[in-house]
C-alpha atoms as a PDB file:
ATOM      1  CA  MET A   1      96.425 116.172  54.518  1.00  0.00           C
ATOM      2  CA  SER A   2      92.735 116.944  53.995  1.00  0.00           C
ATOM      3  CA  ASP A   3      90.674 118.930  56.476  1.00  0.00           C
ATOM      4  CA  SER A   4      88.621 115.846  57.360  1.00  0.00           C
ATOM      5  CA  LEU A   5      91.764 113.894  58.195  1.00  0.00           C
ATOM      6  CA  LYS A   6      93.041 116.782  60.309  1.00  0.00           C
ATOM      7  CA  ILE A   7      89.765 116.913  62.218  1.00  0.00           C
ATOM      8  CA  GLN A   8      89.794 113.149  62.687  1.00  0.00           C
ATOM      9  CA  SER A   9      93.384 113.284  63.888  1.00  0.00           C
ATOM     10  CA  LEU A  10      92.618 116.024  66.405  1.00  0.00           C
ATOM     11  CA  ALA A  11      89.471 114.236  67.586  1.00  0.00           C
ATOM     12  CA  GLY A  12      91.477 111.103  68.350  1.00  0.00           C
ATOM     13  CA  THR A  13      94.330 112.977  70.030  1.00  0.00           C
ATOM     14  CA  LEU A  14      93.784 116.465  71.405  1.00  0.00           C
ATOM     15  CA  GLY A  15      90.015 116.112  71.543  1.00  0.00           C
ATOM     16  CA  VAL A  16      89.965 113.020  73.743  1.00  0.00           C
ATOM     17  CA  ALA A  17      92.742 114.488  75.904  1.00  0.00           C
ATOM     18  CA  GLU A  18      90.651 117.590  76.592  1.00  0.00           C
ATOM     19  CA  ILE A  19      87.585 115.501  77.399  1.00  0.00           C
ATOM     20  CA  GLY A  20      89.630 113.473  79.873  1.00  0.00           C
ATOM     21  CA  ALA A  21      91.073 116.634  81.435  1.00  0.00           C
ATOM     22  CA  ILE A  22      87.633 118.214  81.887  1.00  0.00           C
ATOM     23  CA  VAL A  23      86.094 115.111  83.476  1.00  0.00           C
ATOM     24  CA  SER A  24      89.193 114.589  85.612  1.00  0.00           C
ATOM     25  CA  THR A  25      89.053 118.156  86.938  1.00  0.00           C
ATOM     26  CA  PHE A  26      85.355 117.740  87.729  1.00  0.00           C
ATOM     27  CA  LEU A  27      86.111 114.575  89.701  1.00  0.00           C
ATOM     28  CA  PHE A  28      88.888 116.401  91.557  1.00  0.00           C
ATOM     29  CA  GLY A  29      86.294 118.934  92.680  1.00  0.00           C
ATOM     30  CA  ILE A  30      84.206 116.087  94.071  1.00  0.00           C
ATOM     31  CA  GLU A  31      87.305 114.744  95.833  1.00  0.00           C
ATOM     32  CA  THR A  32      87.888 118.134  97.430  1.00  0.00           C
ATOM     33  CA  LEU A  33      84.335 118.192  98.790  1.00  0.00           C
ATOM     34  CA  GLN A  34      84.764 114.618 100.033  1.00  0.00           C
ATOM     35  CA  ALA A  35      88.030 115.508 101.772  1.00  0.00           C
ATOM     36  CA  TYR A  36      86.450 118.570 103.407  1.00  0.00           C
ATOM     37  CA  TYR A  37      83.516 116.472 104.593  1.00  0.00           C
ATOM     38  CA  TYR A  38      85.853 113.831 105.985  1.00  0.00           C
ATOM     39  CA  PHE A  39      87.941 116.238 108.066  1.00  0.00           C
ATOM     40  CA  THR A  40      84.878 118.028 109.436  1.00  0.00           C
ATOM     41  CA  ARG A  41      82.884 114.865 110.153  1.00  0.00           C
ATOM     42  CA  TYR A  42      85.556 112.454 111.446  1.00  0.00           C
ATOM     43  CA  PRO A  43      88.012 114.434 113.595  1.00  0.00           C
ATOM     44  CA  GLN A  44      88.337 111.430 115.942  1.00  0.00           C
ATOM     45  CA  ASP A  45      89.973 109.223 113.298  1.00  0.00           C
ATOM     46  CA  SER A  46      93.596 108.215 113.783  1.00  0.00           C
ATOM     47  CA  VAL A  47      96.454 110.494 112.766  1.00  0.00           C
ATOM     48  CA  PHE A  48      97.583 107.871 110.267  1.00  0.00           C
ATOM     49  CA  LEU A  49      94.215 107.762 108.533  1.00  0.00           C
ATOM     50  CA  LYS A  50      93.864 111.538 108.407  1.00  0.00           C
ATOM     51  CA  SER A  51      97.417 111.831 107.087  1.00  0.00           C
ATOM     52  CA  MET A  52      96.608 109.324 104.363  1.00  0.00           C
ATOM     53  CA  VAL A  53      93.545 111.298 103.274  1.00  0.00           C
ATOM     54  CA  ALA A  54      95.553 114.546 103.225  1.00  0.00           C
ATOM     55  CA  ALA A  55      98.359 112.879 101.251  1.00  0.00           C
ATOM     56  CA  VAL A  56      95.923 111.488  98.678  1.00  0.00           C
ATOM     57  CA  TRP A  57      94.352 114.921  98.195  1.00  0.00           C
ATOM     58  CA  PHE A  58      97.722 116.641  97.706  1.00  0.00           C
ATOM     59  CA  ILE A  59      98.836 113.944  95.263  1.00  0.00           C
ATOM     60  CA  GLU A  60      95.611 114.480  93.341  1.00  0.00           C
ATOM     61  CA  LEU A  61      96.263 118.220  93.363  1.00  0.00           C
ATOM     62  CA  GLY A  62      99.634 117.556  91.729  1.00  0.00           C
ATOM     63  CA  HIS A  63      97.994 115.200  89.229  1.00  0.00           C
ATOM     64  CA  THR A  64      95.348 117.778  88.273  1.00  0.00           C
ATOM     65  CA  THR A  65      97.934 120.563  88.005  1.00  0.00           C
ATOM     66  CA  SER A  66     100.083 118.425  85.703  1.00  0.00           C
ATOM     67  CA  ILE A  67      97.117 117.653  83.459  1.00  0.00           C
ATOM     68  CA  SER A  68      96.142 121.329  83.245  1.00  0.00           C
ATOM     69  CA  HIS A  69      99.712 122.361  82.430  1.00  0.00           C
ATOM     70  CA  ALA A  70     100.012 119.756  79.658  1.00  0.00           C
ATOM     71  CA  ILE A  71      96.714 120.771  78.060  1.00  0.00           C
ATOM     72  CA  TYR A  72      97.611 124.467  78.253  1.00  0.00           C
ATOM     73  CA  MET A  73     101.009 123.901  76.675  1.00  0.00           C
ATOM     74  CA  VAL A  74      99.602 121.905  73.762  1.00  0.00           C
ATOM     75  CA  THR A  75      96.542 124.072  73.070  1.00  0.00           C
ATOM     76  CA  VAL A  76      97.877 127.583  73.849  1.00  0.00           C
ATOM     77  CA  THR A  77     101.669 127.753  74.018  1.00  0.00           C
ATOM     78  CA  PHE A  78     102.117 125.479  70.997  1.00  0.00           C
ATOM     79  CA  TYR A  79      98.916 126.489  69.230  1.00  0.00           C
ATOM     80  CA  GLY A  80      98.989 125.575  65.546  1.00  0.00           C
ATOM     81  CA  GLN A  81     101.968 123.227  66.022  1.00  0.00           C
ATOM     82  CA  PRO A  82     100.450 119.740  65.805  1.00  0.00           C
ATOM     83  CA  GLN A  83     103.865 118.097  66.060  1.00  0.00           C
ATOM     84  CA  HIS A  84     103.741 118.789  69.808  1.00  0.00           C
ATOM     85  CA  LEU A  85     100.835 116.350  70.073  1.00  0.00           C
ATOM     86  CA  GLU A  86     103.364 113.577  69.469  1.00  0.00           C
ATOM     87  CA  THR A  87     105.976 115.049  71.848  1.00  0.00           C
ATOM     88  CA  PRO A  88     103.913 116.367  74.783  1.00  0.00           C
ATOM     89  CA  PRO A  89     105.451 118.388  77.650  1.00  0.00           C
ATOM     90  CA  TYR A  90     107.112 116.683  80.606  1.00  0.00           C
ATOM     91  CA  SER A  91     104.059 117.347  82.772  1.00  0.00           C
ATOM     92  CA  ILE A  92     102.547 114.275  81.121  1.00  0.00           C
ATOM     93  CA  GLU A  93     105.284 112.197  82.761  1.00  0.00           C
ATOM     94  CA  THR A  94     104.475 113.698  86.160  1.00  0.00           C
ATOM     95  CA  THR A  95     100.849 112.593  85.785  1.00  0.00           C
ATOM     96  CA  ILE A  96     102.147 109.019  85.467  1.00  0.00           C
ATOM     97  CA  PHE A  97     104.166 109.499  88.667  1.00  0.00           C
ATOM     98  CA  PHE A  98     101.207 110.858  90.653  1.00  0.00           C
ATOM     99  CA  ALA A  99      98.965 108.116  89.263  1.00  0.00           C
ATOM    100  CA  ALA A 100     101.401 105.435  90.461  1.00  0.00           C
ATOM    101  CA  LEU A 101     101.285 106.866  93.984  1.00  0.00           C
ATOM    102  CA  ILE A 102      97.479 106.860  94.026  1.00  0.00           C
ATOM    103  CA  TYR A 103      97.339 103.266  92.772  1.00  0.00           C
ATOM    104  CA  GLY A 104      99.690 102.174  95.535  1.00  0.00           C
ATOM    105  CA  VAL A 105      97.889 103.938  98.387  1.00  0.00           C
ATOM    106  CA  VAL A 106      94.282 103.166  97.460  1.00  0.00           C
ATOM    107  CA  GLN A 107      94.678  99.555  96.385  1.00  0.00           C
ATOM    108  CA  SER A 108      96.808  98.809  99.462  1.00  0.00           C
ATOM    109  CA  PHE A 109      94.082 100.354 101.637  1.00  0.00           C
ATOM    110  CA  PHE A 110      91.349  98.132 100.201  1.00  0.00           C
ATOM    111  CA  ALA A 111      93.573  95.057 100.416  1.00  0.00           C
ATOM    112  CA  ASN A 112      94.226  95.831 104.074  1.00  0.00           C
ATOM    113  CA  ARG A 113      90.482  96.172 104.650  1.00  0.00           C
ATOM    114  CA  VAL A 114      90.101  92.586 103.461  1.00  0.00           C
ATOM    115  CA  ARG A 115      92.806  91.511 105.927  1.00  0.00           C
ATOM    116  CA  LEU A 116      91.155  93.314 108.832  1.00  0.00           C
ATOM    117  CA  PHE A 117      87.723  91.941 108.094  1.00  0.00           C
ATOM    118  CA  SER A 118      88.688  88.355 107.275  1.00  0.00           C
ATOM    119  CA  GLY A 119      91.649  87.925 109.603  1.00  0.00           C
ATOM    120  CA  ARG A 120      93.499  86.228 106.739  1.00  0.00           C
ATOM    121  CA  TRP A 121      96.810  87.319 105.178  1.00  0.00           C
ATOM    122  CA  MET A 122      97.099  85.331 101.944  1.00  0.00           C
ATOM    123  CA  ILE A 123      94.836  87.303  99.586  1.00  0.00           C
ATOM    124  CA  PRO A 124      95.854  90.746 100.922  1.00  0.00           C
ATOM    125  CA  LEU A 125      99.533  89.781 100.623  1.00  0.00           C
ATOM    126  CA  ILE A 126      99.041  88.736  96.988  1.00  0.00           C
ATOM    127  CA  CYS A 127      97.201  91.999  96.294  1.00  0.00           C
ATOM    128  CA  TRP A 128      99.990  94.036  97.919  1.00  0.00           C
ATOM    129  CA  ILE A 129     102.595  92.288  95.759  1.00  0.00           C
ATOM    130  CA  MET A 130     100.603  92.904  92.565  1.00  0.00           C
ATOM    131  CA  THR A 131     100.036  96.526  93.571  1.00  0.00           C
ATOM    132  CA  ALA A 132     103.771  96.994  94.157  1.00  0.00           C
ATOM    133  CA  LEU A 133     104.501  95.501  90.728  1.00  0.00           C
ATOM    134  CA  ARG A 134     101.950  97.843  89.181  1.00  0.00           C
ATOM    135  CA  VAL A 135     103.558 100.859  90.822  1.00  0.00           C
ATOM    136  CA  ILE A 136     107.004  99.746  89.617  1.00  0.00           C
ATOM    137  CA  ALA A 137     105.665  99.297  86.070  1.00  0.00           C
ATOM    138  CA  ASN A 138     104.154 102.786  86.094  1.00  0.00           C
ATOM    139  CA  LEU A 139     107.357 104.354  87.397  1.00  0.00           C
ATOM    140  CA  ALA A 140     109.277 102.507  84.681  1.00  0.00           C
ATOM    141  CA  MET A 141     106.910 103.931  82.049  1.00  0.00           C
ATOM    142  CA  MET A 142     107.410 107.401  83.489  1.00  0.00           C
ATOM    143  CA  GLY A 143     111.188 107.004  83.145  1.00  0.00           C
ATOM    144  CA  ILE A 144     110.902 105.667  79.607  1.00  0.00           C
ATOM    145  CA  GLN A 145     108.602 108.498  78.581  1.00  0.00           C
ATOM    146  CA  TRP A 146     110.895 111.067  80.200  1.00  0.00           C
ATOM    147  CA  VAL A 147     113.933 109.832  78.253  1.00  0.00           C
ATOM    148  CA  ASN A 148     111.943 109.393  75.008  1.00  0.00           C
ATOM    149  CA  PRO A 149     109.217 112.080  75.066  1.00  0.00           C
ATOM    150  CA  ASP A 150     107.244 110.578  72.212  1.00  0.00           C
ATOM    151  CA  ILE A 151     103.655 109.516  72.806  1.00  0.00           C
ATOM    152  CA  THR A 152     104.172 106.459  70.585  1.00  0.00           C
ATOM    153  CA  THR A 153     107.021 105.131  72.728  1.00  0.00           C
ATOM    154  CA  ILE A 154     104.702 103.559  75.305  1.00  0.00           C
ATOM    155  CA  GLN A 155     101.911 102.827  72.868  1.00  0.00           C
ATOM    156  CA  VAL A 156     104.095 100.951  70.365  1.00  0.00           C
ATOM    157  CA  LYS A 157     107.437  99.855  71.823  1.00  0.00           C
ATOM    158  CA  PHE A 158     106.317  99.248  75.413  1.00  0.00           C
ATOM    159  CA  ARG A 159     102.702  98.293  74.878  1.00  0.00           C
ATOM    160  CA  TRP A 160     103.356  95.079  76.786  1.00  0.00           C
ATOM    161  CA  LEU A 161     104.455  97.021  79.873  1.00  0.00           C
ATOM    162  CA  MET A 162     101.271  99.084  79.947  1.00  0.00           C
ATOM    163  CA  GLY A 163      99.258  95.916  79.382  1.00  0.00           C
ATOM    164  CA  ILE A 164     100.899  94.225  82.375  1.00  0.00           C
ATOM    165  CA  ALA A 165     100.335  97.255  84.628  1.00  0.00           C
ATOM    166  CA  LEU A 166      96.658  97.518  83.677  1.00  0.00           C
ATOM    167  CA  SER A 167      96.095  93.766  84.034  1.00  0.00           C
ATOM    168  CA  LEU A 168      97.582  93.837  87.534  1.00  0.00           C
ATOM    169  CA  GLY A 169      95.310  96.731  88.492  1.00  0.00           C
ATOM    170  CA  VAL A 170      92.181  94.997  87.211  1.00  0.00           C
ATOM    171  CA  THR A 171      93.140  91.782  89.010  1.00  0.00           C
ATOM    172  CA  VAL A 172      93.651  93.570  92.331  1.00  0.00           C
ATOM    173  CA  ASP A 173      90.359  95.462  92.031  1.00  0.00           C
ATOM    174  CA  ILE A 174      88.372  92.328  91.264  1.00  0.00           C
ATOM    175  CA  THR A 175      90.136  90.300  93.969  1.00  0.00           C
ATOM    176  CA  THR A 176      89.569  92.806  96.770  1.00  0.00           C
ATOM    177  CA  THR A 177      85.919  93.372  95.796  1.00  0.00           C
ATOM    178  CA  PHE A 178      85.052  89.679  95.562  1.00  0.00           C
ATOM    179  CA  SER A 179      86.976  88.882  98.759  1.00  0.00           C
ATOM    180  CA  MET A 180      85.016  91.455 100.744  1.00  0.00           C
ATOM    181  CA  CYS A 181      81.767  90.184  99.254  1.00  0.00           C
ATOM    182  CA  TYR A 182      82.711  86.606 100.155  1.00  0.00           C
ATOM    183  CA  TRP A 183      83.436  87.405 103.797  1.00  0.00           C
ATOM    184  CA  LEU A 184      80.349  89.570 104.125  1.00  0.00           C
ATOM    185  CA  TRP A 185      78.201  86.804 102.660  1.00  0.00           C
ATOM    186  CA  LYS A 186      79.816  84.285 104.994  1.00  0.00           C
ATOM    187  CA  ALA A 187      78.916  86.533 107.914  1.00  0.00           C
ATOM    188  CA  ARG A 188      75.287  86.706 106.802  1.00  0.00           C
ATOM    189  CA  PRO A 189      73.313  84.976 109.597  1.00  0.00           C
ATOM    190  CA  THR A 190      70.141  82.929 109.307  1.00  0.00           C
ATOM    191  CA  GLY A 191      67.005  83.881 111.201  1.00  0.00           C
ATOM    192  CA  PHE A 192      67.819  87.561 111.738  1.00  0.00           C
ATOM    193  CA  GLU A 193      66.207  89.587 108.943  1.00  0.00           C
ATOM    194  CA  HIS A 194      67.413  92.895 110.356  1.00  0.00           C
ATOM    195  CA  THR A 195      71.035  91.720 110.305  1.00  0.00           C
ATOM    196  CA  LYS A 196      70.590  90.223 106.838  1.00  0.00           C
ATOM    197  CA  ARG A 197      69.449  93.586 105.494  1.00  0.00           C
ATOM    198  CA  MET A 198      72.493  95.260 107.012  1.00  0.00           C
ATOM    199  CA  ILE A 199      74.850  92.717 105.421  1.00  0.00           C
ATOM    200  CA  ASP A 200      73.063  93.140 102.079  1.00  0.00           C
ATOM    201  CA  THR A 201      73.587  96.897 102.319  1.00  0.00           C
ATOM    202  CA  LEU A 202      77.292  96.377 102.948  1.00  0.00           C
ATOM    203  CA  LEU A 203      77.511  93.981 100.008  1.00  0.00           C
ATOM    204  CA  VAL A 204      75.970  96.527  97.653  1.00  0.00           C
ATOM    205  CA  TRP A 205      78.214  99.245  99.057  1.00  0.00           C
ATOM    206  CA  THR A 206      81.339  97.097  98.542  1.00  0.00           C
ATOM    207  CA  VAL A 207      80.440  96.376  94.928  1.00  0.00           C
ATOM    208  CA  GLU A 208      79.637 100.017  94.225  1.00  0.00           C
ATOM    209  CA  THR A 209      83.019 101.239  95.497  1.00  0.00           C
ATOM    210  CA  GLY A 210      84.868  98.675  93.365  1.00  0.00           C
ATOM    211  CA  VAL A 211      82.902  98.532  90.136  1.00  0.00           C
ATOM    212  CA  ALA A 212      83.758 102.049  88.887  1.00  0.00           C
ATOM    213  CA  THR A 213      87.523 101.538  89.023  1.00  0.00           C
ATOM    214  CA  THR A 214      87.266  97.996  87.649  1.00  0.00           C
ATOM    215  CA  VAL A 215      85.131  98.958  84.639  1.00  0.00           C
ATOM    216  CA  THR A 216      87.297 101.987  83.864  1.00  0.00           C
ATOM    217  CA  SER A 217      90.461  99.878  84.059  1.00  0.00           C
ATOM    218  CA  ILE A 218      88.992  97.311  81.688  1.00  0.00           C
ATOM    219  CA  LEU A 219      87.965 100.024  79.198  1.00  0.00           C
ATOM    220  CA  PHE A 220      91.432 101.539  79.524  1.00  0.00           C
ATOM    221  CA  LEU A 221      93.058  98.176  78.801  1.00  0.00           C
ATOM    222  CA  VAL A 222      90.794  97.313  75.846  1.00  0.00           C
ATOM    223  CA  THR A 223      91.113 100.694  74.113  1.00  0.00           C
ATOM    224  CA  PHE A 224      94.866 100.827  74.665  1.00  0.00           C
ATOM    225  CA  LEU A 225      95.484  97.400  73.180  1.00  0.00           C
ATOM    226  CA  SER A 226      92.951  97.551  70.337  1.00  0.00           C
ATOM    227  CA  LEU A 227      93.140 101.154  69.021  1.00  0.00           C
ATOM    228  CA  ASP A 228      96.016 103.122  67.520  1.00  0.00           C
ATOM    229  CA  ASN A 229      94.825 106.560  68.620  1.00  0.00           C
ATOM    230  CA  LEU A 230      94.565 108.179  72.061  1.00  0.00           C
ATOM    231  CA  VAL A 231      91.029 107.121  72.919  1.00  0.00           C
ATOM    232  CA  TRP A 232      92.543 105.337  75.930  1.00  0.00           C
ATOM    233  CA  PHE A 233      94.005 108.571  77.338  1.00  0.00           C
ATOM    234  CA  PRO A 234      90.795 109.885  79.004  1.00  0.00           C
ATOM    235  CA  PHE A 235      90.475 106.603  80.885  1.00  0.00           C
ATOM    236  CA  PHE A 236      94.027 107.053  82.148  1.00  0.00           C
ATOM    237  CA  LEU A 237      93.193 110.519  83.498  1.00  0.00           C
ATOM    238  CA  ILE A 238      89.801 109.590  84.933  1.00  0.00           C
ATOM    239  CA  GLN A 239      90.872 106.280  86.482  1.00  0.00           C
ATOM    240  CA  VAL A 240      93.117 107.962  89.047  1.00  0.00           C
ATOM    241  CA  LYS A 241      90.290 110.225  90.235  1.00  0.00           C
ATOM    242  CA  LEU A 242      87.928 107.280  90.573  1.00  0.00           C
ATOM    243  CA  TYR A 243      90.420 105.479  92.829  1.00  0.00           C
ATOM    244  CA  SER A 244      90.680 108.471  95.152  1.00  0.00           C
ATOM    245  CA  ASN A 245      86.933 109.052  95.133  1.00  0.00           C
ATOM    246  CA  SER A 246      86.290 105.403  95.980  1.00  0.00           C
ATOM    247  CA  LEU A 247      88.600 105.758  98.981  1.00  0.00           C
ATOM    248  CA  PHE A 248      86.892 108.942 100.201  1.00  0.00           C
ATOM    249  CA  VAL A 249      83.411 107.524  99.625  1.00  0.00           C
ATOM    250  CA  SER A 250      84.390 104.423 101.584  1.00  0.00           C
ATOM    251  CA  LEU A 251      85.482 106.539 104.542  1.00  0.00           C
ATOM    252  CA  ASN A 252      82.653 109.065 104.428  1.00  0.00           C
ATOM    253  CA  GLY A 253      80.042 106.378 103.849  1.00  0.00           C
ATOM    254  CA  ARG A 254      80.296 105.314 107.472  1.00  0.00           C
ATOM    255  CA  GLN A 255      77.941 108.085 108.497  1.00  0.00           C
ATOM    256  CA  ARG A 256      75.513 107.450 105.643  1.00  0.00           C
ATOM    257  CA  LEU A 257      75.328 103.781 106.613  1.00  0.00           C
ATOM    258  CA  ARG A 258      73.654 104.561 109.914  1.00  0.00           C
ATOM    259  CA  LEU A 259      70.389 102.640 109.835  1.00  0.00           C
ATOM    260  CA  SER A 260      67.928 103.236 112.638  1.00  0.00           C
ATOM    261  CA  GLY A 261      70.690 104.142 115.075  1.00  0.00           C
ATOM    262  CA  GLN A 262      73.075 101.398 113.918  1.00  0.00           C
ATOM    263  CA  LEU A 263      76.756 102.221 113.607  1.00  0.00           C
ATOM    264  CA  LEU A 264      78.570 100.893 110.540  1.00  0.00           C
ATOM    265  CA  ASN A 265      82.310 101.587 110.508  1.00  0.00           C
ATOM    266  CA  ILE A 266      83.397  98.931 108.055  1.00  0.00           C
ATOM    267  CA  SER A 267      85.883 101.155 106.217  1.00  0.00           C
ATOM    268  CA  ILE A 268      88.416 101.481 109.003  1.00  0.00           C
ATOM    269  CA  GLY A 269      87.083  99.906 112.118  1.00  0.00           C
ATOM    270  CA  ALA A 270      83.884  98.159 113.050  1.00  0.00           C
ATOM    271  CA  ALA A 271      80.223  97.669 112.371  1.00  0.00           C
ATOM    272  CA  THR A 272      77.854  97.250 115.294  1.00  0.00           C
ATOM    273  CA  ILE A 273      74.284  96.049 115.141  1.00  0.00           C
ATOM    274  CA  PRO A 274      72.092  96.435 118.243  1.00  0.00           C
ATOM    275  CA  ILE A 275      70.333  93.134 118.908  1.00  0.00           C
ATOM    276  CA  PRO A 276      67.951  92.105 121.681  1.00  0.00           C
ATOM    277  CA  GLU A 277      69.178  90.567 124.923  1.00  0.00           C
ATOM    278  CA  GLY A 278      69.833  86.853 124.500  1.00  0.00           C
ATOM    279  CA  ASN A 279      69.958  86.911 120.677  1.00  0.00           C
ATOM    280  CA  ARG A 280      73.708  86.627 120.439  1.00  0.00           C
ATOM    281  CA  VAL A 281      74.912  85.031 117.256  1.00  0.00           C
ATOM    282  CA  GLY A 282      77.886  82.671 117.014  1.00  0.00           C
ATOM    283  CA  LEU A 283      79.882  83.722 113.963  1.00  0.00           C
ATOM    284  CA  PRO A 284      82.196  81.491 111.888  1.00  0.00           C
ATOM    285  CA  TYR A 285      85.452  83.438 112.094  1.00  0.00           C
ATOM    286  CA  SER A 286      87.534  85.195 114.668  1.00  0.00           C
ATOM    287  CA  ALA A 287      87.108  88.716 113.277  1.00  0.00           C
ATOM    288  CA  MET A 288      83.532  88.744 114.617  1.00  0.00           C
ATOM    289  CA  PHE A 289      82.524  88.368 118.230  1.00  0.00           C
ATOM    290  CA  VAL A 290      80.060  89.621 120.846  1.00  0.00           C
ATOM    291  CA  LEU A 291      81.180  92.251 123.342  1.00  0.00           C
ATOM    292  CA  PRO A 292      79.116  93.284 126.388  1.00  0.00           C
ATOM    293  CA  LEU A 293      78.652  97.060 126.598  1.00  0.00           C
ATOM    294  CA  THR A 294      76.921  99.309 129.063  1.00  0.00           C
ATOM    295  CA  GLY A 295      73.331  99.092 127.833  1.00  0.00           C
ATOM    296  CA  PRO A 296      71.991  96.877 125.018  1.00  0.00           C
ATOM    297  CA  LYS A 297      74.189  94.062 123.816  1.00  0.00           C
ATOM    298  CA  ASP A 298      75.811  94.599 120.416  1.00  0.00           C
ATOM    299  CA  LEU A 299      76.987  92.253 117.708  1.00  0.00           C
ATOM    300  CA  VAL A 300      80.379  93.630 116.710  1.00  0.00           C
ATOM    301  CA  PHE A 301      82.378  93.194 113.505  1.00  0.00           C
ATOM    302  CA  GLU A 302      85.781  94.137 114.980  1.00  0.00           C
ATOM    303  CA  MET A 303      88.231  95.347 112.321  1.00  0.00           C
ATOM    304  CA  SER A 304      90.795  97.664 113.917  1.00  0.00           C
ATOM    305  CA  LYS A 305      92.664  98.193 117.168  1.00  0.00           C
ATOM    306  CA  GLY A 306      91.544 101.826 117.276  1.00  0.00           C
ATOM    307  CA  VAL A 307      87.875 100.880 117.376  1.00  0.00           C
ATOM    308  CA  GLU A 308      88.559  98.027 119.791  1.00  0.00           C
ATOM    309  CA  THR A 309      90.051 100.547 122.219  1.00  0.00           C
ATOM    310  CA  ASP A 310      86.887 102.639 121.976  1.00  0.00           C
ATOM    311  CA  PHE A 311      84.816  99.579 122.816  1.00  0.00           C
ATOM    312  CA  GLU A 312      87.018  98.780 125.793  1.00  0.00           C
ATOM    313  CA  HIS A 313      86.165 102.213 127.173  1.00  0.00           C
ATOM    314  CA  GLY A 314      82.454 101.538 126.622  1.00  0.00           C
ATOM    315  CA  ARG A 315      82.163 104.218 123.920  1.00  0.00           C
ATOM    316  CA  LEU A 316      80.900 103.934 120.344  1.00  0.00           C
ATOM    317  CA  THR A 317      82.367 106.238 117.737  1.00  0.00           C
ATOM    318  CA  ASP A 318      81.021 107.178 114.318  1.00  0.00           C
END
C-alpha cells in the first residue's frame, strides 16, 4: 500500500473519528455550562424536570467518556496497528447505548411539548412510537456490534437498520418542529402587533432548536448510505450532543425570552403576555385562555399543571 493510500485511509477513518471526538467534547463542555446555568437559574422547576436534566447530563458524561476511551485505545494503546481501526474497542458499542438513551429522552420531551401546547394526542403519540422504534433499532445495532466487533458489520450487513433508525429520527424532528410552528402560527392573533412579535419570536426559537438536529441527522443519513468510509462517524458523535444542547437551550431560553417584562415559559409551562384591560383575545383552542390575576390582566398560554398551580396562587414564575 502506498503512502498516499495510507494517508487517505487514515483520513477517512481515524481522522474523521478524531474530528468528531473533538467537536463532541467541545459540545459537552457547552452542555455542562447549560446544565449549571439551569440548576442555578431555575431551582423552582419540578423534581421530575430537574431529574431529567441531571440524567441527560450524566448520560452525556458516559457518552463522552466512551468516545475518549475509544480514541485513546486506537491512537495510543494500539498505535501502529491499523487493523484495530476495523475492530474498535467495546467502548464504541457503549456510545451507541448512550446515544439511544438521549434520543429517547429528548425527542419524547419535544413531542410532549407539542401535546401540552396543542392539547392534541395524535401527533405526539405517533412521534413517541417512532422514537421508541428508533431506540430499539439503536439497541439492536449495539448488540450486533458487540457480538461482531467489526466496523463493517453495521455499515455493510445492517445498513438497512441504520437507515431505518436515522429516517425515524429525521421524521420525528421534522414533525415536532412543524407541529409547534403550526400551533404557534394558529395562535397568532390579528390586530395586536405586540403579541404578533412575541409569537414570531417563539416561531424562530422553535425552528432554531430543531434545525440543528434535523440537518445533522440528514447529513448523517446521506453520508452513511452514499459513502464507503467513516465520514458519517463524526455526525453520529456530534448528533447526540446537539440533541442534549437543544433540550438545555429550550429550558434555559425561558429567561432570555423575557421581552419588556413579559414571561415566556413555553418549554415546560406557560407564556404570559401582559395586555391592557379589556383587550382580551378569544383564542381558537382550549390550551389558551384568559386568567384574571391580581393586577394587569394576562393572556396565558397554559401548558402544564405546575404552572397552572402557580397561577392559581396568583404568582408568576420564571
